[in-house]
Amino acid sequence: MRRILVTGKYGQVGWEVQRSLQCLGDVIAVDRAQFDLARPETLAAKLDELTPDVIVNAAAYTALDKAESEEALATRINSESRA
């Protein structure tokens, strides 16, 4: 069975994606505590542990009111985090 990793488990998109993908395989949904995109240096080890066949990234920095004051964090999460 295909293992599908979905990030953003509790977000609107993440919730819908994990629900929609259930019929395609074993969905492993993770939240920030389990898969922290603000700490990209930890992602490769976590991927080795989870061994997904497919990754659907539905997580994002979405606090628009704080994005300017937390620009580095928003950039790290939304564009730099990749394993």
N, C-alpha and C. Protein backbone atom coordinates (compact mmCIF):
# COMPACT_ATOMS: atom_id res chain seq x y z
N MET A 1 0.84 -1.18 0.00
CA MET A 1 0.00 0.00 0.00
C MET A 1 0.89 1.25 0.00
N ARG A 2 0.51 2.23 -0.77
CA ARG A 2 1.26 3.48 -0.87
C ARG A 2 1.12 4.28 0.43
N ARG A 3 2.25 4.81 0.91
CA ARG A 3 2.27 5.65 2.12
C ARG A 3 2.30 7.11 1.69
N ILE A 4 1.28 7.85 2.10
CA ILE A 4 1.12 9.24 1.69
C ILE A 4 1.27 10.14 2.92
N LEU A 5 2.29 10.98 2.91
CA LEU A 5 2.51 11.93 3.99
C LEU A 5 1.82 13.24 3.66
N VAL A 6 0.97 13.70 4.58
CA VAL A 6 0.28 14.98 4.42
C VAL A 6 0.69 15.87 5.58
N THR A 7 1.26 17.03 5.26
CA THR A 7 1.59 18.00 6.29
C THR A 7 0.42 18.95 6.48
N GLY A 8 0.42 19.67 7.59
CA GLY A 8 -0.68 20.59 7.85
C GLY A 8 -1.95 19.89 8.27
N LYS A 9 -1.80 18.88 9.07
CA LYS A 9 -2.89 18.00 9.51
C LYS A 9 -4.14 18.74 9.99
N TYR A 10 -3.97 19.84 10.73
CA TYR A 10 -5.12 20.52 11.32
C TYR A 10 -5.61 21.74 10.53
N GLY A 11 -4.96 22.05 9.44
CA GLY A 11 -5.41 23.17 8.60
C GLY A 11 -6.57 22.75 7.73
N GLN A 12 -7.26 23.73 7.17
CA GLN A 12 -8.41 23.44 6.31
C GLN A 12 -8.02 22.61 5.10
N VAL A 13 -6.93 22.99 4.44
CA VAL A 13 -6.49 22.25 3.25
C VAL A 13 -5.98 20.87 3.65
N GLY A 14 -5.15 20.82 4.67
CA GLY A 14 -4.60 19.54 5.12
C GLY A 14 -5.67 18.54 5.51
N TRP A 15 -6.71 19.02 6.20
CA TRP A 15 -7.79 18.14 6.62
C TRP A 15 -8.52 17.57 5.42
N GLU A 16 -8.83 18.43 4.46
CA GLU A 16 -9.53 17.98 3.25
C GLU A 16 -8.66 17.03 2.42
N VAL A 17 -7.38 17.36 2.30
CA VAL A 17 -6.48 16.51 1.51
C VAL A 17 -6.37 15.12 2.12
N GLN A 18 -6.16 15.05 3.42
CA GLN A 18 -6.02 13.73 4.03
C GLN A 18 -7.31 12.92 3.91
N ARG A 19 -8.44 13.57 4.03
CA ARG A 19 -9.72 12.88 3.86
C ARG A 19 -9.88 12.37 2.42
N SER A 20 -9.50 13.20 1.46
CA SER A 20 -9.65 12.84 0.04
C SER A 20 -8.70 11.73 -0.40
N LEU A 21 -7.53 11.66 0.23
CA LEU A 21 -6.53 10.69 -0.20
C LEU A 21 -6.65 9.32 0.47
N GLN A 22 -7.54 9.17 1.42
CA GLN A 22 -7.68 7.91 2.16
C GLN A 22 -7.85 6.71 1.23
N CYS A 23 -8.54 6.90 0.13
CA CYS A 23 -8.81 5.78 -0.78
C CYS A 23 -7.59 5.39 -1.61
N LEU A 24 -6.54 6.21 -1.58
CA LEU A 24 -5.36 5.94 -2.40
C LEU A 24 -4.21 5.25 -1.66
N GLY A 25 -4.34 5.16 -0.34
CA GLY A 25 -3.26 4.52 0.40
C GLY A 25 -3.33 4.82 1.88
N ASP A 26 -2.22 4.55 2.55
CA ASP A 26 -2.10 4.77 3.99
C ASP A 26 -1.67 6.22 4.21
N VAL A 27 -2.59 7.07 4.67
CA VAL A 27 -2.32 8.49 4.86
C VAL A 27 -1.71 8.70 6.24
N ILE A 28 -0.55 9.34 6.25
CA ILE A 28 0.13 9.71 7.48
C ILE A 28 0.05 11.23 7.56
N ALA A 29 -0.83 11.74 8.40
CA ALA A 29 -1.01 13.18 8.53
C ALA A 29 -0.21 13.67 9.73
N VAL A 30 0.56 14.74 9.52
CA VAL A 30 1.40 15.27 10.59
C VAL A 30 1.12 16.75 10.80
N ASP A 31 1.36 17.18 12.04
CA ASP A 31 1.21 18.59 12.37
C ASP A 31 2.59 19.19 12.65
N ARG A 32 2.62 20.42 13.07
CA ARG A 32 3.87 21.14 13.31
C ARG A 32 4.72 20.46 14.38
N ALA A 33 4.09 19.90 15.40
CA ALA A 33 4.84 19.24 16.47
C ALA A 33 5.60 18.02 15.94
N GLN A 34 5.05 17.35 14.95
CA GLN A 34 5.66 16.15 14.39
C GLN A 34 6.59 16.44 13.21
N PHE A 35 6.33 17.53 12.49
CA PHE A 35 7.05 17.82 11.24
C PHE A 35 7.13 19.33 11.11
N ASP A 36 8.15 19.91 11.72
CA ASP A 36 8.25 21.36 11.86
C ASP A 36 8.98 21.99 10.68
N LEU A 37 8.23 22.62 9.80
CA LEU A 37 8.81 23.26 8.62
C LEU A 37 9.67 24.47 8.97
N ALA A 38 9.55 24.96 10.20
CA ALA A 38 10.41 26.06 10.65
C ALA A 38 11.80 25.56 11.00
N ARG A 39 11.96 24.24 11.05
CA ARG A 39 13.26 23.63 11.34
C ARG A 39 13.62 22.65 10.22
N PRO A 40 13.92 23.17 9.04
CA PRO A 40 14.15 22.31 7.88
C PRO A 40 15.28 21.30 8.07
N GLU A 41 16.21 21.61 8.96
CA GLU A 41 17.31 20.68 9.20
C GLU A 41 16.84 19.36 9.84
N THR A 42 15.62 19.32 10.36
CA THR A 42 15.09 18.10 10.99
C THR A 42 14.25 17.24 10.04
N LEU A 43 13.95 17.76 8.86
CA LEU A 43 12.99 17.09 7.99
C LEU A 43 13.51 15.81 7.35
N ALA A 44 14.75 15.78 6.95
CA ALA A 44 15.29 14.58 6.30
C ALA A 44 15.23 13.37 7.22
N ALA A 45 15.60 13.56 8.47
CA ALA A 45 15.54 12.45 9.44
C ALA A 45 14.11 11.99 9.66
N LYS A 46 13.20 12.94 9.71
CA LYS A 46 11.79 12.58 9.91
C LYS A 46 11.25 11.82 8.70
N LEU A 47 11.66 12.22 7.51
CA LEU A 47 11.25 11.50 6.30
C LEU A 47 11.82 10.09 6.28
N ASP A 48 13.05 9.93 6.74
CA ASP A 48 13.64 8.60 6.84
C ASP A 48 12.84 7.72 7.79
N GLU A 49 12.34 8.32 8.86
CA GLU A 49 11.54 7.60 9.85
C GLU A 49 10.17 7.21 9.31
N LEU A 50 9.52 8.12 8.62
CA LEU A 50 8.15 7.90 8.13
C LEU A 50 8.10 7.11 6.82
N THR A 51 9.14 7.16 6.03
CA THR A 51 9.27 6.49 4.73
C THR A 51 8.03 6.62 3.82
N PRO A 52 7.63 7.86 3.53
CA PRO A 52 6.48 8.02 2.63
C PRO A 52 6.87 7.76 1.18
N ASP A 53 5.89 7.33 0.40
CA ASP A 53 6.07 7.19 -1.04
C ASP A 53 5.72 8.49 -1.74
N VAL A 54 4.79 9.24 -1.15
CA VAL A 54 4.30 10.49 -1.71
C VAL A 54 4.21 11.51 -0.58
N ILE A 55 4.54 12.78 -0.88
CA ILE A 55 4.41 13.85 0.10
C ILE A 55 3.49 14.92 -0.46
N VAL A 56 2.48 15.28 0.32
CA VAL A 56 1.58 16.39 -0.04
C VAL A 56 1.76 17.44 1.05
N ASN A 57 2.35 18.57 0.67
CA ASN A 57 2.61 19.62 1.64
C ASN A 57 1.45 20.61 1.66
N ALA A 58 0.60 20.49 2.68
CA ALA A 58 -0.53 21.40 2.84
C ALA A 58 -0.27 22.37 3.98
N ALA A 59 0.92 22.35 4.55
CA ALA A 59 1.27 23.25 5.65
C ALA A 59 1.81 24.56 5.09
N ALA A 60 1.59 25.63 5.83
CA ALA A 60 2.10 26.93 5.42
C ALA A 60 2.04 27.91 6.58
N TYR A 61 2.87 28.92 6.48
CA TYR A 61 2.78 30.05 7.41
C TYR A 61 1.65 30.92 6.90
N THR A 62 0.60 31.06 7.68
CA THR A 62 -0.58 31.78 7.20
C THR A 62 -0.99 32.96 8.08
N ALA A 63 -0.17 33.32 9.04
CA ALA A 63 -0.49 34.46 9.92
C ALA A 63 -0.15 35.75 9.19
N LEU A 64 -1.04 36.16 8.31
CA LEU A 64 -0.77 37.33 7.46
C LEU A 64 -0.51 38.59 8.27
N ASP A 65 -1.17 38.74 9.40
CA ASP A 65 -0.98 39.93 10.22
C ASP A 65 0.41 39.99 10.85
N LYS A 66 1.10 38.84 10.93
CA LYS A 66 2.44 38.82 11.52
C LYS A 66 3.55 38.56 10.49
N ALA A 67 3.19 38.35 9.26
CA ALA A 67 4.18 37.98 8.24
C ALA A 67 5.28 39.02 8.05
N GLU A 68 4.96 40.28 8.16
CA GLU A 68 5.99 41.31 8.01
C GLU A 68 6.95 41.32 9.19
N SER A 69 6.44 41.15 10.38
CA SER A 69 7.33 41.16 11.55
C SER A 69 8.05 39.83 11.73
N GLU A 70 7.54 38.77 11.14
CA GLU A 70 8.17 37.45 11.20
C GLU A 70 8.54 36.98 9.79
N GLU A 71 9.10 37.88 9.01
CA GLU A 71 9.39 37.59 7.61
C GLU A 71 10.32 36.39 7.43
N ALA A 72 11.35 36.30 8.25
CA ALA A 72 12.31 35.19 8.13
C ALA A 72 11.62 33.85 8.38
N LEU A 73 10.77 33.79 9.39
CA LEU A 73 10.05 32.55 9.69
C LEU A 73 9.09 32.19 8.57
N ALA A 74 8.35 33.17 8.08
CA ALA A 74 7.40 32.92 6.98
C ALA A 74 8.13 32.41 5.74
N THR A 75 9.27 33.01 5.44
CA THR A 75 10.06 32.58 4.28
C THR A 75 10.59 31.16 4.48
N ARG A 76 11.10 30.88 5.67
CA ARG A 76 11.63 29.54 5.95
C ARG A 76 10.55 28.48 5.77
N ILE A 77 9.36 28.72 6.29
CA ILE A 77 8.29 27.74 6.22
C ILE A 77 7.71 27.63 4.82
N ASN A 78 7.45 28.74 4.17
CA ASN A 78 6.74 28.73 2.89
C ASN A 78 7.61 28.52 1.67
N SER A 79 8.92 28.72 1.80
CA SER A 79 9.73 28.55 0.59
C SER A 79 11.04 27.81 0.78
N GLU A 80 11.57 27.73 1.98
CA GLU A 80 12.88 27.11 2.14
C GLU A 80 12.82 25.68 2.67
N SER A 81 11.76 25.29 3.33
CA SER A 81 11.68 23.96 3.93
C SER A 81 11.45 22.91 2.88
N ARG A 82 12.44 22.14 2.67
CA ARG A 82 12.33 20.97 1.79
C ARG A 82 13.34 19.94 2.24
N ALA A 83 13.03 18.72 2.06
CA ALA A 83 13.92 17.66 2.53
C ALA A 83 14.70 17.07 1.38
